[in-house]
Amino acid sequence: MTELRLTGLDGANPLGFLAALGVLRTANTIWPGARMHWRRLAASWRPVLTISSAADGLGLCTELDKALAGMRAHQDKLKSKAANA
């Protein structure tokens, strides 16, 4: 299990909190069983993602980008079908 601190997201900020939930949801599609907890770092609450891979921060970003691109392509395909119906 690998713990990745998402130091760019501040849990005290509503947008940061929602972004962290989006990361968790997407990470769970890549690594089923992904978990998140919060840790106080530098006077702010930061999310910590736990995944079953030995990925580092760059690997996480790369895999999230691939997963989101796949979701985007799927949505575009559904919109195209609806427009042609």
PDB file of N, CA and C in Angstrom:
ATOM      1  N   MET A   1       0.842  -1.174   0.000  1.00  0.00           N
ATOM      2  CA  MET A   1       0.000   0.000   0.000  1.00  0.00           C
ATOM      3  C   MET A   1       0.893   1.247   0.000  1.00  0.00           C
ATOM      4  N   THR A   2       0.497   2.208  -0.784  1.00  0.00           N
ATOM      5  CA  THR A   2       1.245   3.455  -0.909  1.00  0.00           C
ATOM      6  C   THR A   2       0.382   4.615  -0.436  1.00  0.00           C
ATOM      7  N   GLU A   3       0.939   5.463   0.386  1.00  0.00           N
ATOM      8  CA  GLU A   3       0.255   6.679   0.825  1.00  0.00           C
ATOM      9  C   GLU A   3       0.815   7.862   0.055  1.00  0.00           C
ATOM     10  N   LEU A   4      -0.070   8.605  -0.572  1.00  0.00           N
ATOM     11  CA  LEU A   4       0.323   9.793  -1.329  1.00  0.00           C
ATOM     12  C   LEU A   4      -0.346  11.012  -0.693  1.00  0.00           C
ATOM     13  N   ARG A   5       0.464  11.940  -0.198  1.00  0.00           N
ATOM     14  CA  ARG A   5      -0.072  13.173   0.387  1.00  0.00           C
ATOM     15  C   ARG A   5      -0.398  14.141  -0.737  1.00  0.00           C
ATOM     16  N   LEU A   6      -1.620  14.590  -0.782  1.00  0.00           N
ATOM     17  CA  LEU A   6      -2.068  15.533  -1.813  1.00  0.00           C
ATOM     18  C   LEU A   6      -1.957  16.943  -1.245  1.00  0.00           C
ATOM     19  N   THR A   7      -0.739  17.436  -1.172  1.00  0.00           N
ATOM     20  CA  THR A   7      -0.471  18.700  -0.482  1.00  0.00           C
ATOM     21  C   THR A   7      -1.022  19.917  -1.209  1.00  0.00           C
ATOM     22  N   GLY A   8      -1.409  19.777  -2.462  1.00  0.00           N
ATOM     23  CA  GLY A   8      -1.966  20.905  -3.203  1.00  0.00           C
ATOM     24  C   GLY A   8      -3.432  21.149  -2.904  1.00  0.00           C
ATOM     25  N   LEU A   9      -4.060  20.243  -2.177  1.00  0.00           N
ATOM     26  CA  LEU A   9      -5.486  20.381  -1.865  1.00  0.00           C
ATOM     27  C   LEU A   9      -5.655  20.669  -0.378  1.00  0.00           C
ATOM     28  N   ASP A  10      -6.396  21.717  -0.075  1.00  0.00           N
ATOM     29  CA  ASP A  10      -6.644  22.128   1.308  1.00  0.00           C
ATOM     30  C   ASP A  10      -8.061  21.727   1.687  1.00  0.00           C
ATOM     31  N   GLY A  11      -8.177  20.835   2.651  1.00  0.00           N
ATOM     32  CA  GLY A  11      -9.488  20.354   3.072  1.00  0.00           C
ATOM     33  C   GLY A  11     -10.368  21.405   3.711  1.00  0.00           C
ATOM     34  N   ALA A  12      -9.799  22.509   4.168  1.00  0.00           N
ATOM     35  CA  ALA A  12     -10.587  23.584   4.765  1.00  0.00           C
ATOM     36  C   ALA A  12     -11.306  24.406   3.696  1.00  0.00           C
ATOM     37  N   ASN A  13     -10.844  24.307   2.470  1.00  0.00           N
ATOM     38  CA  ASN A  13     -11.461  25.021   1.351  1.00  0.00           C
ATOM     39  C   ASN A  13     -12.488  24.085   0.703  1.00  0.00           C
ATOM     40  N   PRO A  14     -13.750  24.505   0.556  1.00  0.00           N
ATOM     41  CA  PRO A  14     -14.754  23.613  -0.030  1.00  0.00           C
ATOM     42  C   PRO A  14     -14.361  23.067  -1.406  1.00  0.00           C
ATOM     43  N   LEU A  15     -13.721  23.867  -2.244  1.00  0.00           N
ATOM     44  CA  LEU A  15     -13.303  23.364  -3.558  1.00  0.00           C
ATOM     45  C   LEU A  15     -12.180  22.339  -3.426  1.00  0.00           C
ATOM     46  N   GLY A  16     -11.280  22.557  -2.480  1.00  0.00           N
ATOM     47  CA  GLY A  16     -10.219  21.595  -2.230  1.00  0.00           C
ATOM     48  C   GLY A  16     -10.778  20.277  -1.729  1.00  0.00           C
ATOM     49  N   PHE A  17     -11.785  20.353  -0.854  1.00  0.00           N
ATOM     50  CA  PHE A  17     -12.434  19.158  -0.335  1.00  0.00           C
ATOM     51  C   PHE A  17     -13.113  18.386  -1.467  1.00  0.00           C
ATOM     52  N   LEU A  18     -13.860  19.096  -2.311  1.00  0.00           N
ATOM     53  CA  LEU A  18     -14.546  18.438  -3.429  1.00  0.00           C
ATOM     54  C   LEU A  18     -13.549  17.858  -4.436  1.00  0.00           C
ATOM     55  N   ALA A  19     -12.460  18.558  -4.669  1.00  0.00           N
ATOM     56  CA  ALA A  19     -11.426  18.038  -5.574  1.00  0.00           C
ATOM     57  C   ALA A  19     -10.837  16.744  -5.019  1.00  0.00           C
ATOM     58  N   ALA A  20     -10.616  16.701  -3.713  1.00  0.00           N
ATOM     59  CA  ALA A  20     -10.082  15.488  -3.086  1.00  0.00           C
ATOM     60  C   ALA A  20     -11.055  14.326  -3.260  1.00  0.00           C
ATOM     61  N   LEU A  21     -12.350  14.594  -3.112  1.00  0.00           N
ATOM     62  CA  LEU A  21     -13.342  13.533  -3.321  1.00  0.00           C
ATOM     63  C   LEU A  21     -13.329  13.047  -4.762  1.00  0.00           C
ATOM     64  N   GLY A  22     -13.137  13.949  -5.704  1.00  0.00           N
ATOM     65  CA  GLY A  22     -13.033  13.563  -7.111  1.00  0.00           C
ATOM     66  C   GLY A  22     -11.813  12.702  -7.374  1.00  0.00           C
ATOM     67  N   VAL A  23     -10.697  13.041  -6.736  1.00  0.00           N
ATOM     68  CA  VAL A  23      -9.486  12.228  -6.867  1.00  0.00           C
ATOM     69  C   VAL A  23      -9.752  10.830  -6.310  1.00  0.00           C
ATOM     70  N   LEU A  24     -10.387  10.754  -5.152  1.00  0.00           N
ATOM     71  CA  LEU A  24     -10.679   9.454  -4.542  1.00  0.00           C
ATOM     72  C   LEU A  24     -11.592   8.625  -5.439  1.00  0.00           C
ATOM     73  N   ARG A  25     -12.631   9.239  -5.955  1.00  0.00           N
ATOM     74  CA  ARG A  25     -13.587   8.512  -6.813  1.00  0.00           C
ATOM     75  C   ARG A  25     -12.895   7.973  -8.059  1.00  0.00           C
ATOM     76  N   THR A  26     -12.090   8.797  -8.703  1.00  0.00           N
ATOM     77  CA  THR A  26     -11.392   8.378  -9.916  1.00  0.00           C
ATOM     78  C   THR A  26     -10.313   7.347  -9.589  1.00  0.00           C
ATOM     79  N   ALA A  27      -9.586   7.562  -8.516  1.00  0.00           N
ATOM     80  CA  ALA A  27      -8.541   6.602  -8.119  1.00  0.00           C
ATOM     81  C   ALA A  27      -9.155   5.235  -7.822  1.00  0.00           C
ATOM     82  N   ASN A  28     -10.356   5.224  -7.280  1.00  0.00           N
ATOM     83  CA  ASN A  28     -11.017   3.957  -6.958  1.00  0.00           C
ATOM     84  C   ASN A  28     -11.392   3.173  -8.213  1.00  0.00           C
ATOM     85  N   THR A  29     -11.569   3.849  -9.341  1.00  0.00           N
ATOM     86  CA  THR A  29     -11.830   3.123 -10.588  1.00  0.00           C
ATOM     87  C   THR A  29     -10.547   2.494 -11.123  1.00  0.00           C
ATOM     88  N   ILE A  30      -9.399   3.075 -10.795  1.00  0.00           N
ATOM     89  CA  ILE A  30      -8.102   2.552 -11.238  1.00  0.00           C
ATOM     90  C   ILE A  30      -7.585   1.498 -10.265  1.00  0.00           C
ATOM     91  N   TRP A  31      -7.630   1.822  -8.987  1.00  0.00           N
ATOM     92  CA  TRP A  31      -7.155   0.941  -7.927  1.00  0.00           C
ATOM     93  C   TRP A  31      -8.318   0.683  -6.971  1.00  0.00           C
ATOM     94  N   PRO A  32      -9.133  -0.346  -7.231  1.00  0.00           N
ATOM     95  CA  PRO A  32     -10.262  -0.627  -6.330  1.00  0.00           C
ATOM     96  C   PRO A  32      -9.783  -0.755  -4.879  1.00  0.00           C
ATOM     97  N   GLY A  33     -10.531  -0.177  -4.001  1.00  0.00           N
ATOM     98  CA  GLY A  33     -10.161  -0.192  -2.586  1.00  0.00           C
ATOM     99  C   GLY A  33      -9.334   1.000  -2.161  1.00  0.00           C
ATOM    100  N   ALA A  34      -9.139   1.965  -3.070  1.00  0.00           N
ATOM    101  CA  ALA A  34      -8.409   3.188  -2.700  1.00  0.00           C
ATOM    102  C   ALA A  34      -9.130   3.847  -1.525  1.00  0.00           C
ATOM    103  N   ARG A  35      -8.341   4.402  -0.618  1.00  0.00           N
ATOM    104  CA  ARG A  35      -8.913   5.051   0.566  1.00  0.00           C
ATOM    105  C   ARG A  35      -8.294   6.427   0.736  1.00  0.00           C
ATOM    106  N   MET A  36      -8.976   7.258   1.509  1.00  0.00           N
ATOM    107  CA  MET A  36      -8.453   8.593   1.791  1.00  0.00           C
ATOM    108  C   MET A  36      -8.677   8.907   3.261  1.00  0.00           C
ATOM    109  N   HIS A  37      -7.693   9.530   3.854  1.00  0.00           N
ATOM    110  CA  HIS A  37      -7.865  10.093   5.189  1.00  0.00           C
ATOM    111  C   HIS A  37      -7.236  11.484   5.173  1.00  0.00           C
ATOM    112  N   TRP A  38      -7.440  12.198   6.243  1.00  0.00           N
ATOM    113  CA  TRP A  38      -6.970  13.583   6.313  1.00  0.00           C
ATOM    114  C   TRP A  38      -5.920  13.701   7.386  1.00  0.00           C
ATOM    115  N   ARG A  39      -4.902  14.493   7.097  1.00  0.00           N
ATOM    116  CA  ARG A  39      -3.808  14.700   8.045  1.00  0.00           C
ATOM    117  C   ARG A  39      -3.518  16.201   8.128  1.00  0.00           C
ATOM    118  N   ARG A  40      -3.252  16.648   9.318  1.00  0.00           N
ATOM    119  CA  ARG A  40      -2.920  18.067   9.516  1.00  0.00           C
ATOM    120  C   ARG A  40      -1.451  18.272   9.151  1.00  0.00           C
ATOM    121  N   LEU A  41      -1.201  19.039   8.105  1.00  0.00           N
ATOM    122  CA  LEU A  41       0.143  19.336   7.634  1.00  0.00           C
ATOM    123  C   LEU A  41       0.266  20.836   7.429  1.00  0.00           C
ATOM    124  N   ALA A  42       1.264  21.429   7.998  1.00  0.00           N
ATOM    125  CA  ALA A  42       1.522  22.871   7.835  1.00  0.00           C
ATOM    126  C   ALA A  42       0.270  23.697   8.124  1.00  0.00           C
ATOM    127  N   ALA A  43      -0.387  23.419   9.223  1.00  0.00           N
ATOM    128  CA  ALA A  43      -1.560  24.172   9.696  1.00  0.00           C
ATOM    129  C   ALA A  43      -2.776  24.044   8.798  1.00  0.00           C
ATOM    130  N   SER A  44      -2.809  23.037   7.923  1.00  0.00           N
ATOM    131  CA  SER A  44      -3.973  22.806   7.055  1.00  0.00           C
ATOM    132  C   SER A  44      -4.275  21.320   7.009  1.00  0.00           C
ATOM    133  N   TRP A  45      -5.536  21.001   6.774  1.00  0.00           N
ATOM    134  CA  TRP A  45      -5.923  19.605   6.605  1.00  0.00           C
ATOM    135  C   TRP A  45      -5.693  19.211   5.153  1.00  0.00           C
ATOM    136  N   ARG A  46      -4.873  18.170   4.963  1.00  0.00           N
ATOM    137  CA  ARG A  46      -4.529  17.702   3.620  1.00  0.00           C
ATOM    138  C   ARG A  46      -4.980  16.261   3.440  1.00  0.00           C
ATOM    139  N   PRO A  47      -5.512  15.927   2.251  1.00  0.00           N
ATOM    140  CA  PRO A  47      -5.913  14.544   2.010  1.00  0.00           C
ATOM    141  C   PRO A  47      -4.689  13.662   1.774  1.00  0.00           C
ATOM    142  N   VAL A  48      -4.788  12.431   2.232  1.00  0.00           N
ATOM    143  CA  VAL A  48      -3.759  11.420   1.997  1.00  0.00           C
ATOM    144  C   VAL A  48      -4.459  10.239   1.340  1.00  0.00           C
ATOM    145  N   LEU A  49      -4.056   9.926   0.129  1.00  0.00           N
ATOM    146  CA  LEU A  49      -4.650   8.848  -0.657  1.00  0.00           C
ATOM    147  C   LEU A  49      -3.843   7.583  -0.444  1.00  0.00           C
ATOM    148  N   THR A  50      -4.520   6.485  -0.144  1.00  0.00           N
ATOM    149  CA  THR A  50      -3.861   5.188   0.000  1.00  0.00           C
ATOM    150  C   THR A  50      -4.324   4.308  -1.146  1.00  0.00           C
ATOM    151  N   ILE A  51      -3.357   3.816  -1.930  1.00  0.00           N
ATOM    152  CA  ILE A  51      -3.660   2.966  -3.080  1.00  0.00           C
ATOM    153  C   ILE A  51      -2.837   1.684  -3.003  1.00  0.00           C
ATOM    154  N   SER A  52      -3.239   0.684  -3.783  1.00  0.00           N
ATOM    155  CA  SER A  52      -2.575  -0.615  -3.749  1.00  0.00           C
ATOM    156  C   SER A  52      -1.381  -0.694  -4.693  1.00  0.00           C
ATOM    157  N   SER A  53      -1.027   0.404  -5.337  1.00  0.00           N
ATOM    158  CA  SER A  53       0.082   0.439  -6.285  1.00  0.00           C
ATOM    159  C   SER A  53       1.271   1.152  -5.660  1.00  0.00           C
ATOM    160  N   ALA A  54       2.435   0.943  -6.255  1.00  0.00           N
ATOM    161  CA  ALA A  54       3.636   1.640  -5.787  1.00  0.00           C
ATOM    162  C   ALA A  54       3.838   2.944  -6.556  1.00  0.00           C
ATOM    163  N   ALA A  55       2.756   3.572  -6.989  1.00  0.00           N
ATOM    164  CA  ALA A  55       2.838   4.802  -7.783  1.00  0.00           C
ATOM    165  C   ALA A  55       3.353   5.962  -6.947  1.00  0.00           C
ATOM    166  N   ASP A  56       4.025   6.879  -7.619  1.00  0.00           N
ATOM    167  CA  ASP A  56       4.435   8.126  -6.984  1.00  0.00           C
ATOM    168  C   ASP A  56       3.468   9.213  -7.451  1.00  0.00           C
ATOM    169  N   GLY A  57       3.752  10.452  -7.122  1.00  0.00           N
ATOM    170  CA  GLY A  57       2.866  11.555  -7.502  1.00  0.00           C
ATOM    171  C   GLY A  57       2.678  11.676  -9.002  1.00  0.00           C
ATOM    172  N   LEU A  58       3.758  11.519  -9.758  1.00  0.00           N
ATOM    173  CA  LEU A  58       3.661  11.608 -11.211  1.00  0.00           C
ATOM    174  C   LEU A  58       2.847  10.445 -11.771  1.00  0.00           C
ATOM    175  N   GLY A  59       3.065   9.256 -11.232  1.00  0.00           N
ATOM    176  CA  GLY A  59       2.287   8.093 -11.676  1.00  0.00           C
ATOM    177  C   GLY A  59       0.812   8.263 -11.383  1.00  0.00           C
ATOM    178  N   LEU A  60       0.493   8.832 -10.223  1.00  0.00           N
ATOM    179  CA  LEU A  60      -0.904   9.099  -9.872  1.00  0.00           C
ATOM    180  C   LEU A  60      -1.523  10.049 -10.886  1.00  0.00           C
ATOM    181  N   CYS A  61      -0.838  11.152 -11.170  1.00  0.00           N
ATOM    182  CA  CYS A  61      -1.362  12.147 -12.117  1.00  0.00           C
ATOM    183  C   CYS A  61      -1.548  11.540 -13.505  1.00  0.00           C
ATOM    184  N   THR A  62      -0.597  10.720 -13.940  1.00  0.00           N
ATOM    185  CA  THR A  62      -0.679  10.089 -15.252  1.00  0.00           C
ATOM    186  C   THR A  62      -1.893   9.161 -15.328  1.00  0.00           C
ATOM    187  N   GLU A  63      -2.073   8.327 -14.310  1.00  0.00           N
ATOM    188  CA  GLU A  63      -3.202   7.385 -14.314  1.00  0.00           C
ATOM    189  C   GLU A  63      -4.541   8.109 -14.192  1.00  0.00           C
ATOM    190  N   LEU A  64      -4.601   9.161 -13.377  1.00  0.00           N
ATOM    191  CA  LEU A  64      -5.839   9.943 -13.273  1.00  0.00           C
ATOM    192  C   LEU A  64      -6.180  10.592 -14.606  1.00  0.00           C
ATOM    193  N   ASP A  65      -5.165  11.119 -15.296  1.00  0.00           N
ATOM    194  CA  ASP A  65      -5.381  11.747 -16.604  1.00  0.00           C
ATOM    195  C   ASP A  65      -5.936  10.741 -17.604  1.00  0.00           C
ATOM    196  N   LYS A  66      -5.370   9.538 -17.637  1.00  0.00           N
ATOM    197  CA  LYS A  66      -5.864   8.503 -18.555  1.00  0.00           C
ATOM    198  C   LYS A  66      -7.307   8.140 -18.246  1.00  0.00           C
ATOM    199  N   ALA A  67      -7.611   7.949 -16.965  1.00  0.00           N
ATOM    200  CA  ALA A  67      -8.965   7.574 -16.568  1.00  0.00           C
ATOM    201  C   ALA A  67      -9.967   8.665 -16.921  1.00  0.00           C
ATOM    202  N   LEU A  68      -9.614   9.916 -16.660  1.00  0.00           N
ATOM    203  CA  LEU A  68     -10.525  11.024 -16.961  1.00  0.00           C
ATOM    204  C   LEU A  68     -10.704  11.209 -18.467  1.00  0.00           C
ATOM    205  N   ALA A  69      -9.637  10.977 -19.246  1.00  0.00           N
ATOM    206  CA  ALA A  69      -9.754  11.064 -20.705  1.00  0.00           C
ATOM    207  C   ALA A  69     -10.702   9.991 -21.209  1.00  0.00           C
ATOM    208  N   GLY A  70     -10.637   8.801 -20.631  1.00  0.00           N
ATOM    209  CA  GLY A  70     -11.555   7.732 -21.011  1.00  0.00           C
ATOM    210  C   GLY A  70     -12.996   8.076 -20.676  1.00  0.00           C
ATOM    211  N   MET A  71     -13.217   8.687 -19.520  1.00  0.00           N
ATOM    212  CA  MET A  71     -14.567   9.102 -19.134  1.00  0.00           C
ATOM    213  C   MET A  71     -15.085  10.178 -20.080  1.00  0.00           C
ATOM    214  N   ARG A  72     -14.198  11.107 -20.452  1.00  0.00           N
ATOM    215  CA  ARG A  72     -14.575  12.190 -21.352  1.00  0.00           C
ATOM    216  C   ARG A  72     -14.952  11.631 -22.730  1.00  0.00           C
ATOM    217  N   ALA A  73     -14.176  10.666 -23.225  1.00  0.00           N
ATOM    218  CA  ALA A  73     -14.462  10.054 -24.527  1.00  0.00           C
ATOM    219  C   ALA A  73     -15.794   9.322 -24.482  1.00  0.00           C
ATOM    220  N   HIS A  74     -16.071   8.663 -23.390  1.00  0.00           N
ATOM    221  CA  HIS A  74     -17.344   7.950 -23.239  1.00  0.00           C
ATOM    222  C   HIS A  74     -18.516   8.934 -23.260  1.00  0.00           C
ATOM    223  N   GLN A  75     -18.387  10.047 -22.549  1.00  0.00           N
ATOM    224  CA  GLN A  75     -19.446  11.048 -22.531  1.00  0.00           C
ATOM    225  C   GLN A  75     -19.671  11.640 -23.921  1.00  0.00           C
ATOM    226  N   ASP A  76     -18.584  11.908 -24.654  1.00  0.00           N
ATOM    227  CA  ASP A  76     -18.699  12.445 -26.013  1.00  0.00           C
ATOM    228  C   ASP A  76     -19.438  11.463 -26.915  1.00  0.00           C
ATOM    229  N   LYS A  77     -19.159  10.189 -26.746  1.00  0.00           N
ATOM    230  CA  LYS A  77     -19.820   9.150 -27.552  1.00  0.00           C
ATOM    231  C   LYS A  77     -21.318   9.112 -27.243  1.00  0.00           C
ATOM    232  N   LEU A  78     -21.681   9.209 -25.964  1.00  0.00           N
ATOM    233  CA  LEU A  78     -23.088   9.208 -25.575  1.00  0.00           C
ATOM    234  C   LEU A  78     -23.810  10.442 -26.130  1.00  0.00           C
ATOM    235  N   LYS A  79     -23.150  11.585 -26.081  1.00  0.00           N
ATOM    236  CA  LYS A  79     -23.764  12.817 -26.620  1.00  0.00           C
ATOM    237  C   LYS A  79     -23.961  12.698 -28.117  1.00  0.00           C
ATOM    238  N   SER A  80     -23.018  12.103 -28.800  1.00  0.00           N
ATOM    239  CA  SER A  80     -23.118  11.931 -30.250  1.00  0.00           C
ATOM    240  C   SER A  80     -24.284  11.014 -30.608  1.00  0.00           C
ATOM    241  N   LYS A  81     -24.447   9.940 -29.857  1.00  0.00           N
ATOM    242  CA  LYS A  81     -25.563   9.020 -30.081  1.00  0.00           C
ATOM    243  C   LYS A  81     -26.889   9.723 -29.847  1.00  0.00           C
ATOM    244  N   ALA A  82     -26.973  10.513 -28.780  1.00  0.00           N
ATOM    245  CA  ALA A  82     -28.218  11.219 -28.457  1.00  0.00           C
ATOM    246  C   ALA A  82     -28.557  12.242 -29.537  1.00  0.00           C
ATOM    247  N   ALA A  83     -27.548  12.897 -30.073  1.00  0.00           N
ATOM    248  CA  ALA A  83     -27.783  13.910 -31.106  1.00  0.00           C
ATOM    249  C   ALA A  83     -28.259  13.278 -32.406  1.00  0.00           C
ATOM    250  N   ASN A  84     -27.820  12.071 -32.677  1.00  0.00           N
ATOM    251  CA  ASN A  84     -28.191  11.380 -33.916  1.00  0.00           C
ATOM    252  C   ASN A  84     -29.482  10.603 -33.794  1.00  0.00           C
ATOM    253  N   ALA A  85     -30.041  10.513 -32.601  1.00  0.00           N
ATOM    254  CA  ALA A  85     -31.284   9.733 -32.388  1.00  0.00           C
ATOM    255  C   ALA A  85     -32.506  10.509 -32.785  1.00  0.00           C
TER     256      ALA A  85
END
